[in-house]
N, C-alpha and C. Protein backbone atom coordinates (compact mmCIF):
# COMPACT_ATOMS: atom_id res chain seq x y z
N UNK A 1 -22.03 18.00 -181.67
CA UNK A 1 -20.75 18.72 -181.43
C UNK A 1 -20.17 18.96 -182.87
N UNK A 2 -19.60 20.10 -183.04
CA UNK A 2 -18.96 20.36 -184.34
C UNK A 2 -17.41 20.31 -184.19
N UNK A 3 -16.81 20.13 -185.22
CA UNK A 3 -15.27 19.96 -185.21
C UNK A 3 -14.78 21.37 -184.77
N UNK A 4 -13.75 21.31 -183.87
CA UNK A 4 -13.20 22.52 -183.39
C UNK A 4 -13.87 23.09 -182.17
N UNK A 5 -14.99 22.47 -181.71
CA UNK A 5 -15.59 22.87 -180.48
C UNK A 5 -14.91 22.24 -179.35
N UNK A 6 -14.69 23.04 -178.29
CA UNK A 6 -13.90 22.52 -177.17
C UNK A 6 -14.95 21.90 -176.11
N UNK A 7 -14.49 20.74 -175.62
CA UNK A 7 -15.27 20.07 -174.53
C UNK A 7 -14.30 19.79 -173.48
N UNK A 8 -14.92 19.75 -172.25
CA UNK A 8 -13.94 19.32 -171.09
C UNK A 8 -14.06 17.81 -170.97
N UNK A 9 -13.02 17.30 -170.43
CA UNK A 9 -12.99 15.84 -170.29
C UNK A 9 -12.41 15.52 -168.91
N UNK A 10 -12.68 14.33 -168.52
CA UNK A 10 -12.10 13.91 -167.27
C UNK A 10 -11.09 12.83 -167.65
N UNK A 11 -9.88 13.08 -167.22
CA UNK A 11 -8.70 12.20 -167.55
C UNK A 11 -8.66 11.15 -166.42
N UNK A 12 -8.66 9.93 -166.74
CA UNK A 12 -8.58 8.84 -165.83
C UNK A 12 -7.12 8.34 -165.79
N UNK A 13 -6.47 8.37 -164.68
CA UNK A 13 -5.07 7.93 -164.68
C UNK A 13 -5.05 6.35 -164.54
N UNK A 14 -4.23 5.72 -165.24
CA UNK A 14 -4.09 4.24 -165.18
C UNK A 14 -2.65 4.08 -164.64
N UNK A 15 -2.53 3.70 -163.43
CA UNK A 15 -1.26 3.56 -162.77
C UNK A 15 -0.53 2.37 -163.38
N UNK A 16 0.73 2.51 -163.59
CA UNK A 16 1.59 1.44 -164.14
C UNK A 16 1.71 0.28 -163.12
N UNK A 17 1.30 -0.90 -163.49
CA UNK A 17 1.51 -1.99 -162.56
C UNK A 17 2.92 -2.57 -162.60
N UNK A 18 3.55 -2.49 -161.43
CA UNK A 18 4.97 -3.03 -161.45
C UNK A 18 4.94 -4.29 -160.61
N UNK A 19 5.49 -5.37 -161.23
CA UNK A 19 5.55 -6.53 -160.57
C UNK A 19 6.69 -6.57 -159.61
N UNK A 20 6.57 -7.16 -158.39
CA UNK A 20 7.65 -7.16 -157.47
C UNK A 20 8.78 -7.98 -158.03
N UNK A 21 9.96 -7.78 -157.51
CA UNK A 21 11.11 -8.60 -157.94
C UNK A 21 10.84 -10.03 -157.87
N UNK A 22 11.46 -10.84 -158.64
CA UNK A 22 11.20 -12.26 -158.71
C UNK A 22 11.38 -12.72 -157.33
N UNK A 23 10.36 -13.53 -156.83
CA UNK A 23 10.40 -14.13 -155.51
C UNK A 23 11.20 -15.40 -155.57
N UNK A 24 11.84 -15.62 -154.48
CA UNK A 24 12.64 -16.88 -154.40
C UNK A 24 11.80 -17.96 -153.81
N UNK A 25 10.57 -18.20 -154.35
CA UNK A 25 9.67 -19.15 -153.79
C UNK A 25 9.91 -20.56 -154.45
N UNK A 26 9.18 -21.55 -153.84
CA UNK A 26 9.24 -22.84 -154.35
C UNK A 26 8.73 -23.00 -155.75
N UNK A 27 9.39 -23.70 -156.58
CA UNK A 27 8.88 -23.91 -157.95
C UNK A 27 7.92 -25.12 -157.93
N UNK A 28 7.26 -25.35 -159.03
CA UNK A 28 6.40 -26.45 -159.18
C UNK A 28 7.18 -27.85 -158.94
N UNK A 29 8.33 -27.80 -159.51
CA UNK A 29 9.22 -29.09 -159.43
C UNK A 29 9.58 -29.23 -157.93
N UNK A 30 9.93 -28.15 -157.19
CA UNK A 30 10.19 -28.29 -155.76
C UNK A 30 9.01 -28.86 -154.98
N UNK A 31 7.83 -28.34 -155.33
CA UNK A 31 6.58 -28.83 -154.66
C UNK A 31 6.33 -30.22 -154.89
N UNK A 32 6.53 -30.69 -156.08
CA UNK A 32 6.30 -32.09 -156.42
C UNK A 32 7.30 -33.01 -155.68
N UNK A 33 8.57 -32.57 -155.66
CA UNK A 33 9.58 -33.30 -154.84
C UNK A 33 9.33 -33.39 -153.45
N UNK A 34 8.83 -32.27 -152.85
CA UNK A 34 8.57 -32.09 -151.41
C UNK A 34 7.45 -33.04 -151.04
N UNK A 35 6.39 -33.01 -151.88
CA UNK A 35 5.23 -33.84 -151.52
C UNK A 35 5.49 -35.32 -151.70
N UNK A 36 6.32 -35.68 -152.71
CA UNK A 36 6.75 -37.12 -152.76
C UNK A 36 7.54 -37.45 -151.55
N UNK A 37 8.44 -36.50 -151.10
CA UNK A 37 9.33 -36.73 -149.96
C UNK A 37 8.45 -37.00 -148.73
N UNK A 38 7.43 -36.20 -148.60
CA UNK A 38 6.59 -36.16 -147.37
C UNK A 38 5.89 -37.61 -147.21
N UNK A 39 5.44 -38.19 -148.28
CA UNK A 39 4.86 -39.53 -148.24
C UNK A 39 5.91 -40.48 -147.67
N UNK A 40 7.13 -40.50 -148.10
CA UNK A 40 8.13 -41.37 -147.66
C UNK A 40 8.56 -41.04 -146.23
N UNK A 41 8.53 -39.83 -145.81
CA UNK A 41 8.98 -39.38 -144.52
C UNK A 41 7.96 -39.74 -143.36
N UNK A 42 6.78 -40.09 -143.75
CA UNK A 42 5.77 -40.43 -142.70
C UNK A 42 6.33 -41.53 -141.76
N UNK A 43 7.07 -42.46 -142.32
CA UNK A 43 7.64 -43.56 -141.59
C UNK A 43 8.80 -43.11 -140.69
N UNK A 44 9.24 -41.81 -140.82
CA UNK A 44 10.24 -41.27 -140.03
C UNK A 44 9.80 -40.19 -139.03
N UNK A 45 8.50 -40.20 -138.68
CA UNK A 45 8.05 -39.34 -137.71
C UNK A 45 7.47 -38.05 -138.23
N UNK A 46 7.33 -37.81 -139.59
CA UNK A 46 6.74 -36.61 -140.16
C UNK A 46 5.29 -36.81 -140.24
N UNK A 47 4.48 -35.90 -139.54
CA UNK A 47 3.09 -36.03 -139.52
C UNK A 47 2.48 -35.38 -140.79
N UNK A 48 2.94 -34.16 -141.13
CA UNK A 48 2.47 -33.52 -142.32
C UNK A 48 3.43 -32.49 -142.81
N UNK A 49 3.26 -32.03 -144.06
CA UNK A 49 4.07 -31.02 -144.65
C UNK A 49 3.13 -30.07 -145.37
N UNK A 50 3.34 -28.78 -145.06
CA UNK A 50 2.43 -27.72 -145.58
C UNK A 50 3.29 -26.72 -146.37
N UNK A 51 2.83 -26.28 -147.48
CA UNK A 51 3.54 -25.24 -148.27
C UNK A 51 2.61 -23.98 -148.13
N UNK A 52 3.30 -22.86 -147.70
CA UNK A 52 2.69 -21.63 -147.58
C UNK A 52 3.03 -20.74 -148.60
N UNK A 53 2.05 -20.16 -149.33
CA UNK A 53 2.29 -19.14 -150.34
C UNK A 53 1.97 -17.73 -149.79
N UNK A 54 2.76 -16.79 -150.30
CA UNK A 54 2.46 -15.39 -149.75
C UNK A 54 1.05 -14.92 -150.10
N UNK A 55 0.47 -14.13 -149.23
CA UNK A 55 -0.87 -13.62 -149.36
C UNK A 55 -0.74 -12.10 -149.62
N UNK A 56 -1.94 -11.66 -150.06
CA UNK A 56 -2.00 -10.10 -150.33
C UNK A 56 -1.57 -9.35 -149.13
N UNK A 57 -0.73 -8.40 -149.19
CA UNK A 57 -0.38 -7.62 -148.12
C UNK A 57 0.97 -8.11 -147.44
N UNK A 58 1.44 -9.26 -147.87
CA UNK A 58 2.62 -9.79 -147.30
C UNK A 58 3.84 -9.06 -147.97
N UNK A 59 4.97 -9.09 -147.26
CA UNK A 59 6.16 -8.55 -147.83
C UNK A 59 6.34 -9.08 -149.17
N UNK A 60 6.60 -8.24 -150.16
CA UNK A 60 6.86 -8.74 -151.61
C UNK A 60 8.04 -9.59 -151.85
N UNK A 61 9.01 -9.52 -150.87
CA UNK A 61 10.18 -10.40 -150.92
C UNK A 61 9.92 -11.77 -150.37
N UNK A 62 8.82 -11.99 -149.75
CA UNK A 62 8.52 -13.23 -149.14
C UNK A 62 8.00 -14.19 -150.18
N UNK A 63 8.80 -15.34 -150.35
CA UNK A 63 8.40 -16.40 -151.23
C UNK A 63 7.65 -17.46 -150.59
N UNK A 64 7.19 -18.49 -151.26
CA UNK A 64 6.59 -19.64 -150.70
C UNK A 64 7.60 -20.42 -149.86
N UNK A 65 7.21 -21.16 -148.83
CA UNK A 65 8.13 -21.99 -148.03
C UNK A 65 7.31 -23.16 -147.53
N UNK A 66 8.06 -24.13 -146.97
CA UNK A 66 7.54 -25.38 -146.62
C UNK A 66 7.73 -25.56 -145.05
N UNK A 67 6.72 -26.00 -144.37
CA UNK A 67 6.84 -26.35 -142.97
C UNK A 67 6.59 -27.78 -142.76
N UNK A 68 7.40 -28.36 -141.87
CA UNK A 68 7.38 -29.79 -141.59
C UNK A 68 6.89 -29.96 -140.19
N UNK A 69 5.80 -30.77 -139.94
CA UNK A 69 5.29 -31.04 -138.62
C UNK A 69 5.59 -32.51 -138.33
N UNK A 70 6.15 -32.70 -137.04
CA UNK A 70 6.51 -34.05 -136.67
C UNK A 70 5.32 -34.59 -135.80
N UNK A 71 5.38 -35.89 -135.68
CA UNK A 71 4.38 -36.56 -134.82
C UNK A 71 4.34 -35.96 -133.40
N UNK A 72 3.18 -35.85 -132.76
CA UNK A 72 3.08 -35.30 -131.43
C UNK A 72 3.52 -33.88 -131.25
N UNK A 73 3.64 -33.12 -132.24
CA UNK A 73 3.93 -31.72 -132.14
C UNK A 73 2.85 -30.95 -132.83
N UNK A 74 2.42 -29.77 -132.18
CA UNK A 74 1.36 -29.01 -132.72
C UNK A 74 1.91 -27.79 -133.58
N UNK A 75 3.18 -27.55 -133.35
CA UNK A 75 3.85 -26.48 -134.14
C UNK A 75 4.81 -27.04 -135.15
N UNK A 76 5.09 -26.34 -136.27
CA UNK A 76 6.07 -26.74 -137.14
C UNK A 76 7.44 -26.91 -136.57
N UNK A 77 8.14 -28.03 -136.81
CA UNK A 77 9.37 -28.31 -136.29
C UNK A 77 10.53 -27.79 -137.18
N UNK A 78 10.38 -27.84 -138.49
CA UNK A 78 11.43 -27.42 -139.40
C UNK A 78 10.74 -26.59 -140.55
N UNK A 79 11.55 -25.71 -141.08
CA UNK A 79 11.08 -24.97 -142.30
C UNK A 79 12.06 -25.07 -143.40
N UNK A 80 11.62 -24.95 -144.58
CA UNK A 80 12.52 -24.98 -145.73
C UNK A 80 12.07 -23.91 -146.82
N UNK A 81 13.01 -23.20 -147.30
CA UNK A 81 12.61 -22.12 -148.22
C UNK A 81 13.79 -22.09 -149.28
N UNK A 82 13.37 -21.67 -150.50
CA UNK A 82 14.36 -21.47 -151.53
C UNK A 82 14.99 -20.03 -151.38
N UNK A 83 16.25 -19.97 -151.57
CA UNK A 83 16.94 -18.63 -151.45
C UNK A 83 17.85 -18.55 -152.71
N UNK A 84 18.53 -17.37 -152.82
CA UNK A 84 19.36 -17.07 -153.97
C UNK A 84 20.47 -18.16 -154.22
N UNK A 85 20.90 -18.75 -153.24
CA UNK A 85 22.09 -19.71 -153.36
C UNK A 85 21.49 -21.20 -153.32
N UNK A 86 20.22 -21.41 -153.15
CA UNK A 86 19.79 -22.86 -153.15
C UNK A 86 18.63 -22.91 -152.21
N UNK A 87 18.78 -23.67 -151.12
CA UNK A 87 17.74 -23.97 -150.11
C UNK A 87 18.18 -23.74 -148.71
N UNK A 88 17.34 -23.18 -147.86
CA UNK A 88 17.67 -22.92 -146.48
C UNK A 88 16.75 -23.67 -145.57
N UNK A 89 17.23 -24.38 -144.60
CA UNK A 89 16.54 -25.13 -143.64
C UNK A 89 16.67 -24.43 -142.28
N UNK A 90 15.51 -24.20 -141.54
CA UNK A 90 15.61 -23.60 -140.30
C UNK A 90 14.62 -24.10 -139.32
N UNK A 91 14.72 -23.79 -138.02
CA UNK A 91 13.77 -24.09 -137.00
C UNK A 91 12.89 -22.94 -136.72
N UNK A 92 11.56 -23.12 -137.03
CA UNK A 92 10.68 -22.03 -136.79
C UNK A 92 10.61 -21.52 -135.37
N UNK A 93 10.76 -22.50 -134.39
CA UNK A 93 10.63 -22.09 -133.03
C UNK A 93 11.66 -21.06 -132.51
N UNK A 94 12.83 -21.16 -133.17
CA UNK A 94 13.88 -20.24 -132.67
C UNK A 94 14.44 -19.40 -133.82
N UNK A 95 14.20 -19.73 -135.08
CA UNK A 95 14.75 -19.02 -136.19
C UNK A 95 16.13 -19.44 -136.53
N UNK A 96 16.59 -20.46 -135.78
CA UNK A 96 18.00 -20.92 -135.98
C UNK A 96 18.05 -21.55 -137.43
N UNK A 97 19.12 -21.18 -138.12
CA UNK A 97 19.29 -21.81 -139.45
C UNK A 97 20.14 -23.05 -139.33
N UNK A 98 19.59 -24.09 -139.82
CA UNK A 98 20.23 -25.47 -139.79
C UNK A 98 21.42 -25.51 -140.85
N UNK A 99 21.05 -24.97 -142.03
CA UNK A 99 22.08 -24.90 -143.11
C UNK A 99 21.52 -24.43 -144.46
N UNK A 100 22.45 -24.26 -145.39
CA UNK A 100 22.09 -23.96 -146.79
C UNK A 100 22.52 -25.07 -147.63
N UNK A 101 21.72 -25.38 -148.61
CA UNK A 101 21.93 -26.63 -149.42
C UNK A 101 21.72 -26.24 -150.95
N UNK A 102 22.49 -26.93 -151.77
CA UNK A 102 22.37 -26.66 -153.22
C UNK A 102 21.12 -27.24 -153.84
N UNK A 103 20.67 -28.37 -153.25
CA UNK A 103 19.41 -28.96 -153.92
C UNK A 103 18.33 -29.16 -152.87
N UNK A 104 17.11 -29.30 -153.28
CA UNK A 104 16.05 -29.61 -152.38
C UNK A 104 16.15 -30.91 -151.76
N UNK A 105 16.69 -31.84 -152.52
CA UNK A 105 16.83 -33.22 -152.01
C UNK A 105 17.74 -33.19 -150.83
N UNK A 106 18.86 -32.49 -150.90
CA UNK A 106 19.78 -32.41 -149.78
C UNK A 106 19.17 -31.74 -148.59
N UNK A 107 18.45 -30.64 -148.88
CA UNK A 107 17.72 -29.85 -147.83
C UNK A 107 16.73 -30.74 -147.11
N UNK A 108 15.96 -31.52 -147.81
CA UNK A 108 15.01 -32.43 -147.14
C UNK A 108 15.68 -33.50 -146.39
N UNK A 109 16.83 -33.99 -146.83
CA UNK A 109 17.62 -34.94 -146.08
C UNK A 109 18.08 -34.37 -144.81
N UNK A 110 18.47 -33.11 -144.85
CA UNK A 110 18.88 -32.37 -143.58
C UNK A 110 17.69 -32.18 -142.59
N UNK A 111 16.52 -31.99 -143.17
CA UNK A 111 15.33 -31.95 -142.33
C UNK A 111 15.13 -33.16 -141.46
N UNK A 112 15.28 -34.34 -142.13
CA UNK A 112 15.13 -35.54 -141.48
C UNK A 112 16.25 -35.74 -140.37
N UNK A 113 17.44 -35.44 -140.79
CA UNK A 113 18.61 -35.61 -139.90
C UNK A 113 18.48 -34.73 -138.75
N UNK A 114 17.97 -33.56 -138.81
CA UNK A 114 17.84 -32.52 -137.74
C UNK A 114 16.60 -32.74 -136.87
N UNK A 115 15.67 -33.56 -137.30
CA UNK A 115 14.39 -33.80 -136.58
C UNK A 115 14.61 -34.71 -135.45
């Protein structure tokens, strides 16, 4: 090919990757506190605690959340999620919100109180 000679080319578009808005999911610190709490809560009827992270295709505003399973229950009895103002505790069976709390420690205490 000589300089000045025209050639055709295929232009490959590279779409700009946009990250979703910051999710209000559980932090690493929240997870450590929750797992530590779960060990102590076993004596109060808590069977297990699971942390669910968003999966591909989920609503981008969905953050990670925690589900609490009580003894003799097959479904989660309580849920806990981080929100803009702190932490929210709710009942997954009905969607009823138990309350909003400034710290995860207070939210976890509310989980035990409401169980």
